[in-house]
Amino acid sequence: MTEQPDHKNLDLSNQFLIAMPSMTESGFAGTVIYVCEHTPRGALGLVINRPTDLTLGTLFERIDLKLEIAPIKDSPVFFGGPVQTDRGFVLHAPTGEYSSSMQVGSLTLTTSRDILQAVADGDGPQQMLVTLGYAGWAAGQLEAEMAENAWLTVSADAHVIFDVPPAERYPAALRLLGIDPIMLAGDVGHA
C-alpha cells in the first residue's frame, strides 16, 4: 500500500496546477494554473492558458491608457479565473517598483494600475501575462481537491508562461512531469 501525500502542510506557491481530465464539470478542464499564493487561509492562482478575445490594446483603451507598442497591443488578455473578472492581474518578470506587487518565486504579481502605465510608456516588463480575474480557493478547499486527485502539480517554469503559445501550455506543463497528455485517463482512483 502506497502512502498518500500529506496535503495539509502543502505550499503550492510558484507551482503549476494541471487540471486532470475529470475536472470537466468545474470549468477548469484543460487548464494550467500558476499558483501565486497558498497559505492556510486559502489559495490564489491565475489560469495561464485561456486567452480571451480581448487584446491589450483594447483593454488599455478601456482604462484610458494609450498603448501603441506592437506587437504588445495585439497580445491577448487571459481569463485568469472566475473570481473578480473585472479586476486585472499582471504576472511578470521582476522589474520596476509598483504600488501593489508580491514576489512569487522568480516572478512578480502586480495588481496596481501603475504597471499598465509603465507598459504604455514603454518602461514595463519585457515578459508579462495580463489576466482578468483569478482562481481562488477557501481554506482547505485546494487541499481537498488535491486529495481527490483533481490536480497534478509541478514546479512552475516561466518559459511555459511567457514563451510557449497558449494552446501548447497544457501539454508543455505535463511534459515537465514526463507525462504525455494521451496517457491521462478521465477517471482516476487511489492505489
C-alpha atoms as a PDB file:
ATOM      1  CA  MET A   1       0.000   0.000   0.000  1.00  0.00           C
ATOM      2  CA  THR A   2       1.435   3.373  -1.004  1.00  0.00           C
ATOM      3  CA  GLU A   3       1.293   6.224   1.445  1.00  0.00           C
ATOM      4  CA  GLN A   4      -0.807   9.194   0.342  1.00  0.00           C
ATOM      5  CA  PRO A   5       0.867  12.619   0.405  1.00  0.00           C
ATOM      6  CA  ASP A   6       0.004  14.934   3.284  1.00  0.00           C
ATOM      7  CA  HIS A   7      -1.941  17.737   1.596  1.00  0.00           C
ATOM      8  CA  LYS A   8      -2.469  19.660   4.848  1.00  0.00           C
ATOM      9  CA  ASN A   9       1.072  21.085   5.007  1.00  0.00           C
ATOM     10  CA  LEU A  10       1.420  21.699   1.294  1.00  0.00           C
ATOM     11  CA  ASP A  11       2.618  25.048  -0.066  1.00  0.00           C
ATOM     12  CA  LEU A  12       1.851  25.150  -3.760  1.00  0.00           C
ATOM     13  CA  SER A  13       3.045  28.727  -4.345  1.00  0.00           C
ATOM     14  CA  ASN A  14       5.134  29.003  -7.525  1.00  0.00           C
ATOM     15  CA  GLN A  15       3.713  25.702  -8.799  1.00  0.00           C
ATOM     16  CA  PHE A  16       1.571  24.811 -11.790  1.00  0.00           C
ATOM     17  CA  LEU A  17      -1.739  23.126 -11.107  1.00  0.00           C
ATOM     18  CA  ILE A  18      -2.571  20.964 -14.092  1.00  0.00           C
ATOM     19  CA  ALA A  19      -6.243  20.006 -14.283  1.00  0.00           C
ATOM     20  CA  MET A  20      -6.951  16.310 -14.543  1.00  0.00           C
ATOM     21  CA  PRO A  21      -9.393  15.251 -17.280  1.00  0.00           C
ATOM     22  CA  SER A  22     -12.026  14.600 -14.587  1.00  0.00           C
ATOM     23  CA  MET A  23     -12.310  18.382 -13.977  1.00  0.00           C
ATOM     24  CA  THR A  24     -14.886  18.832 -16.788  1.00  0.00           C
ATOM     25  CA  GLU A  25     -17.770  19.954 -14.547  1.00  0.00           C
ATOM     26  CA  SER A  26     -15.760  22.645 -12.753  1.00  0.00           C
ATOM     27  CA  GLY A  27     -14.902  24.645 -15.873  1.00  0.00           C
ATOM     28  CA  PHE A  28     -11.200  24.048 -15.278  1.00  0.00           C
ATOM     29  CA  ALA A  29     -10.812  21.175 -17.770  1.00  0.00           C
ATOM     30  CA  GLY A  30      -7.610  21.536 -19.750  1.00  0.00           C
ATOM     31  CA  THR A  31      -6.284  24.402 -17.650  1.00  0.00           C
ATOM     32  CA  VAL A  32      -2.895  25.170 -16.219  1.00  0.00           C
ATOM     33  CA  ILE A  33      -2.942  27.478 -13.204  1.00  0.00           C
ATOM     34  CA  TYR A  34       0.074  29.304 -11.821  1.00  0.00           C
ATOM     35  CA  VAL A  35      -0.323  29.394  -8.022  1.00  0.00           C
ATOM     36  CA  CYS A  36       0.627  32.856  -6.760  1.00  0.00           C
ATOM     37  CA  GLU A  37      -0.230  32.325  -3.103  1.00  0.00           C
ATOM     38  CA  HIS A  38      -1.094  29.296  -0.977  1.00  0.00           C
ATOM     39  CA  THR A  39      -1.492  29.717   2.764  1.00  0.00           C
ATOM     40  CA  PRO A  40      -3.634  28.094   5.476  1.00  0.00           C
ATOM     41  CA  ARG A  41      -6.238  30.785   4.632  1.00  0.00           C
ATOM     42  CA  GLY A  42      -6.594  29.628   1.013  1.00  0.00           C
ATOM     43  CA  ALA A  43      -5.010  29.941  -2.400  1.00  0.00           C
ATOM     44  CA  LEU A  44      -4.914  32.302  -5.369  1.00  0.00           C
ATOM     45  CA  GLY A  45      -3.791  31.388  -8.865  1.00  0.00           C
ATOM     46  CA  LEU A  46      -4.016  32.519 -12.474  1.00  0.00           C
ATOM     47  CA  VAL A  47      -5.085  30.399 -15.429  1.00  0.00           C
ATOM     48  CA  ILE A  48      -2.230  30.809 -17.924  1.00  0.00           C
ATOM     49  CA  ASN A  49      -3.645  29.058 -20.978  1.00  0.00           C
ATOM     50  CA  ARG A  50      -7.056  30.617 -21.653  1.00  0.00           C
ATOM     51  CA  PRO A  51      -6.662  33.701 -23.864  1.00  0.00           C
ATOM     52  CA  THR A  52      -9.760  35.828 -24.367  1.00  0.00           C
ATOM     53  CA  ASP A  53     -10.799  37.794 -27.452  1.00  0.00           C
ATOM     54  CA  LEU A  54      -9.808  40.992 -25.626  1.00  0.00           C
ATOM     55  CA  THR A  55      -6.409  42.397 -26.644  1.00  0.00           C
ATOM     56  CA  LEU A  56      -4.106  44.511 -24.512  1.00  0.00           C
ATOM     57  CA  GLY A  57      -4.663  47.406 -26.927  1.00  0.00           C
ATOM     58  CA  THR A  58      -8.428  47.275 -26.353  1.00  0.00           C
ATOM     59  CA  LEU A  59      -8.008  46.856 -22.589  1.00  0.00           C
ATOM     60  CA  PHE A  60      -5.726  49.896 -22.453  1.00  0.00           C
ATOM     61  CA  GLU A  61      -8.277  51.953 -24.430  1.00  0.00           C
ATOM     62  CA  ARG A  62     -10.966  50.992 -21.905  1.00  0.00           C
ATOM     63  CA  ILE A  63      -8.871  52.271 -19.000  1.00  0.00           C
ATOM     64  CA  ASP A  64      -7.827  55.450 -20.846  1.00  0.00           C
ATOM     65  CA  LEU A  65      -4.204  54.490 -21.498  1.00  0.00           C
ATOM     66  CA  LYS A  66      -2.619  54.713 -24.922  1.00  0.00           C
ATOM     67  CA  LEU A  67      -0.730  51.588 -25.975  1.00  0.00           C
ATOM     68  CA  GLU A  68       0.903  51.790 -29.378  1.00  0.00           C
ATOM     69  CA  ILE A  69       3.713  49.280 -28.904  1.00  0.00           C
ATOM     70  CA  ALA A  70       3.438  46.465 -31.430  1.00  0.00           C
ATOM     71  CA  PRO A  71       3.127  43.507 -31.018  1.00  0.00           C
ATOM     72  CA  ILE A  72       2.169  44.028 -27.362  1.00  0.00           C
ATOM     73  CA  LYS A  73      -1.073  45.784 -28.290  1.00  0.00           C
ATOM     74  CA  ASP A  74      -2.265  42.669 -30.144  1.00  0.00           C
ATOM     75  CA  SER A  75      -1.415  40.305 -27.273  1.00  0.00           C
ATOM     76  CA  PRO A  76      -4.422  38.659 -25.643  1.00  0.00           C
ATOM     77  CA  VAL A  77      -5.707  39.312 -22.163  1.00  0.00           C
ATOM     78  CA  PHE A  78      -6.207  35.966 -20.403  1.00  0.00           C
ATOM     79  CA  PHE A  79      -9.106  34.586 -18.399  1.00  0.00           C
ATOM     80  CA  GLY A  80      -7.331  34.290 -15.043  1.00  0.00           C
ATOM     81  CA  GLY A  81     -10.204  32.568 -13.278  1.00  0.00           C
ATOM     82  CA  PRO A  82     -13.830  33.028 -12.264  1.00  0.00           C
ATOM     83  CA  VAL A  83     -13.228  35.328  -9.252  1.00  0.00           C
ATOM     84  CA  GLN A  84     -13.268  39.132  -9.696  1.00  0.00           C
ATOM     85  CA  THR A  85     -13.276  39.007 -13.505  1.00  0.00           C
ATOM     86  CA  ASP A  86     -13.421  42.798 -13.623  1.00  0.00           C
ATOM     87  CA  ARG A  87     -10.029  43.069 -11.891  1.00  0.00           C
ATOM     88  CA  GLY A  88      -6.678  42.882 -13.668  1.00  0.00           C
ATOM     89  CA  PHE A  89      -3.626  40.884 -12.639  1.00  0.00           C
ATOM     90  CA  VAL A  90      -0.195  41.121 -14.244  1.00  0.00           C
ATOM     91  CA  LEU A  91       2.237  38.239 -13.850  1.00  0.00           C
ATOM     92  CA  HIS A  92       5.703  39.341 -14.926  1.00  0.00           C
ATOM     93  CA  ALA A  93       9.441  39.060 -14.550  1.00  0.00           C
ATOM     94  CA  PRO A  94      10.666  41.198 -11.644  1.00  0.00           C
ATOM     95  CA  THR A  95      11.208  44.701 -12.917  1.00  0.00           C
ATOM     96  CA  GLY A  96      10.371  48.160 -11.648  1.00  0.00           C
ATOM     97  CA  GLU A  97       8.658  49.208  -8.450  1.00  0.00           C
ATOM     98  CA  TYR A  98       4.883  49.099  -8.433  1.00  0.00           C
ATOM     99  CA  SER A  99       2.489  50.044  -5.658  1.00  0.00           C
ATOM    100  CA  SER A 100       0.809  46.634  -5.310  1.00  0.00           C
ATOM    101  CA  SER A 101       3.145  43.733  -6.069  1.00  0.00           C
ATOM    102  CA  MET A 102       4.159  40.479  -4.472  1.00  0.00           C
ATOM    103  CA  GLN A 103       7.110  38.270  -5.279  1.00  0.00           C
ATOM    104  CA  VAL A 104       6.272  34.657  -6.169  1.00  0.00           C
ATOM    105  CA  GLY A 105       9.351  32.550  -6.803  1.00  0.00           C
ATOM    106  CA  SER A 106      11.199  34.185  -9.687  1.00  0.00           C
ATOM    107  CA  LEU A 107       8.099  36.110 -10.812  1.00  0.00           C
ATOM    108  CA  THR A 108       6.073  39.075  -9.579  1.00  0.00           C
ATOM    109  CA  LEU A 109       2.312  39.521  -9.422  1.00  0.00           C
ATOM    110  CA  THR A 110       1.154  43.126  -9.693  1.00  0.00           C
ATOM    111  CA  THR A 111      -2.423  44.338  -9.360  1.00  0.00           C
ATOM    112  CA  SER A 112      -1.961  48.111  -9.481  1.00  0.00           C
ATOM    113  CA  ARG A 113      -2.586  50.344 -12.493  1.00  0.00           C
ATOM    114  CA  ASP A 114       0.938  51.813 -12.371  1.00  0.00           C
ATOM    115  CA  ILE A 115       2.375  48.729 -14.114  1.00  0.00           C
ATOM    116  CA  LEU A 116      -0.008  49.281 -17.033  1.00  0.00           C
ATOM    117  CA  GLN A 117       1.056  52.926 -17.174  1.00  0.00           C
ATOM    118  CA  ALA A 118       4.699  51.771 -17.303  1.00  0.00           C
ATOM    119  CA  VAL A 119       3.843  49.384 -20.157  1.00  0.00           C
ATOM    120  CA  ALA A 120       2.093  52.206 -22.039  1.00  0.00           C
ATOM    121  CA  ASP A 121       5.183  54.390 -21.517  1.00  0.00           C
ATOM    122  CA  GLY A 122       7.460  51.646 -22.857  1.00  0.00           C
ATOM    123  CA  ASP A 123       9.038  51.039 -19.415  1.00  0.00           C
ATOM    124  CA  GLY A 124       7.096  47.941 -18.352  1.00  0.00           C
ATOM    125  CA  PRO A 125       8.311  44.379 -18.013  1.00  0.00           C
ATOM    126  CA  GLN A 126       9.555  42.638 -21.145  1.00  0.00           C
ATOM    127  CA  GLN A 127       7.667  39.460 -20.260  1.00  0.00           C
ATOM    128  CA  MET A 128       4.171  39.575 -18.809  1.00  0.00           C
ATOM    129  CA  LEU A 129       0.831  37.838 -18.782  1.00  0.00           C
ATOM    130  CA  VAL A 130      -2.230  40.005 -18.148  1.00  0.00           C
ATOM    131  CA  THR A 131      -5.405  38.378 -16.824  1.00  0.00           C
ATOM    132  CA  LEU A 132      -8.856  39.436 -15.806  1.00  0.00           C
ATOM    133  CA  GLY A 133      -9.954  37.504 -12.748  1.00  0.00           C
ATOM    134  CA  TYR A 134      -8.267  34.786 -10.749  1.00  0.00           C
ATOM    135  CA  ALA A 135      -8.857  31.279  -9.445  1.00  0.00           C
ATOM    136  CA  GLY A 136      -9.377  31.190  -5.699  1.00  0.00           C
ATOM    137  CA  TRP A 137      -9.809  28.546  -3.049  1.00  0.00           C
ATOM    138  CA  ALA A 138     -11.023  28.901   0.532  1.00  0.00           C
ATOM    139  CA  ALA A 139      -9.072  27.417   3.445  1.00  0.00           C
ATOM    140  CA  GLY A 140      -8.663  23.678   2.884  1.00  0.00           C
ATOM    141  CA  GLN A 141     -10.515  23.658  -0.453  1.00  0.00           C
ATOM    142  CA  LEU A 142      -7.461  23.194  -2.689  1.00  0.00           C
ATOM    143  CA  GLU A 143      -6.068  20.579  -0.320  1.00  0.00           C
ATOM    144  CA  ALA A 144      -9.357  18.664  -0.594  1.00  0.00           C
ATOM    145  CA  GLU A 145      -9.218  18.842  -4.388  1.00  0.00           C
ATOM    146  CA  MET A 146      -5.631  17.597  -4.291  1.00  0.00           C
ATOM    147  CA  ALA A 147      -6.695  14.656  -2.115  1.00  0.00           C
ATOM    148  CA  GLU A 148      -9.343  13.824  -4.751  1.00  0.00           C
ATOM    149  CA  ASN A 149      -6.665  13.766  -7.497  1.00  0.00           C
ATOM    150  CA  ALA A 150      -8.231  16.746  -9.298  1.00  0.00           C
ATOM    151  CA  TRP A 151      -4.855  18.368  -9.991  1.00  0.00           C
ATOM    152  CA  LEU A 152      -1.305  17.405 -10.826  1.00  0.00           C
ATOM    153  CA  THR A 153       1.397  19.766  -9.582  1.00  0.00           C
ATOM    154  CA  VAL A 154       4.856  20.619 -10.814  1.00  0.00           C
ATOM    155  CA  SER A 155       7.302  23.449 -10.166  1.00  0.00           C
ATOM    156  CA  ALA A 156       6.406  26.365 -12.404  1.00  0.00           C
ATOM    157  CA  ASP A 157       8.602  27.214 -15.363  1.00  0.00           C
ATOM    158  CA  ALA A 158       8.480  30.840 -16.594  1.00  0.00           C
ATOM    159  CA  HIS A 159       9.372  29.596 -20.087  1.00  0.00           C
ATOM    160  CA  VAL A 160       5.971  27.844 -20.280  1.00  0.00           C
ATOM    161  CA  ILE A 161       4.164  31.032 -19.201  1.00  0.00           C
ATOM    162  CA  PHE A 162       5.944  33.502 -21.456  1.00  0.00           C
ATOM    163  CA  ASP A 163       7.435  31.611 -24.402  1.00  0.00           C
ATOM    164  CA  VAL A 164       5.055  28.723 -25.166  1.00  0.00           C
ATOM    165  CA  PRO A 165       1.915  29.521 -27.209  1.00  0.00           C
ATOM    166  CA  PRO A 166      -1.243  29.348 -25.024  1.00  0.00           C
ATOM    167  CA  ALA A 167      -2.668  26.278 -26.807  1.00  0.00           C
ATOM    168  CA  GLU A 168       0.546  24.356 -26.082  1.00  0.00           C
ATOM    169  CA  ARG A 169       0.918  25.253 -22.384  1.00  0.00           C
ATOM    170  CA  TYR A 170      -1.151  22.320 -21.056  1.00  0.00           C
ATOM    171  CA  PRO A 171       0.934  19.648 -22.838  1.00  0.00           C
ATOM    172  CA  ALA A 172       4.124  21.609 -22.017  1.00  0.00           C
ATOM    173  CA  ALA A 173       3.249  21.609 -18.289  1.00  0.00           C
ATOM    174  CA  LEU A 174       2.520  17.879 -18.419  1.00  0.00           C
ATOM    175  CA  ARG A 175       5.876  17.273 -20.110  1.00  0.00           C
ATOM    176  CA  LEU A 176       7.559  18.919 -17.086  1.00  0.00           C
ATOM    177  CA  LEU A 177       6.279  15.838 -15.219  1.00  0.00           C
ATOM    178  CA  GLY A 178       7.322  13.477 -18.006  1.00  0.00           C
ATOM    179  CA  ILE A 179       3.680  12.839 -18.926  1.00  0.00           C
ATOM    180  CA  ASP A 180       2.222  12.662 -22.421  1.00  0.00           C
ATOM    181  CA  PRO A 181      -1.358  14.104 -22.387  1.00  0.00           C
ATOM    182  CA  ILE A 182      -2.582  10.976 -24.187  1.00  0.00           C
ATOM    183  CA  MET A 183      -1.563   8.953 -21.107  1.00  0.00           C
ATOM    184  CA  LEU A 184      -4.144  10.705 -18.888  1.00  0.00           C
ATOM    185  CA  ALA A 185      -7.439   8.947 -18.307  1.00  0.00           C
ATOM    186  CA  GLY A 186     -10.632  10.698 -17.279  1.00  0.00           C
ATOM    187  CA  ASP A 187     -11.170   8.513 -14.206  1.00  0.00           C
ATOM    188  CA  VAL A 188      -8.509   8.402 -11.525  1.00  0.00           C
ATOM    189  CA  GLY A 189      -8.504   6.431  -8.300  1.00  0.00           C
ATOM    190  CA  HIS A 190      -6.227   5.858  -5.331  1.00  0.00           C
ATOM    191  CA  ALA A 191      -3.837   2.931  -5.351  1.00  0.00           C
END
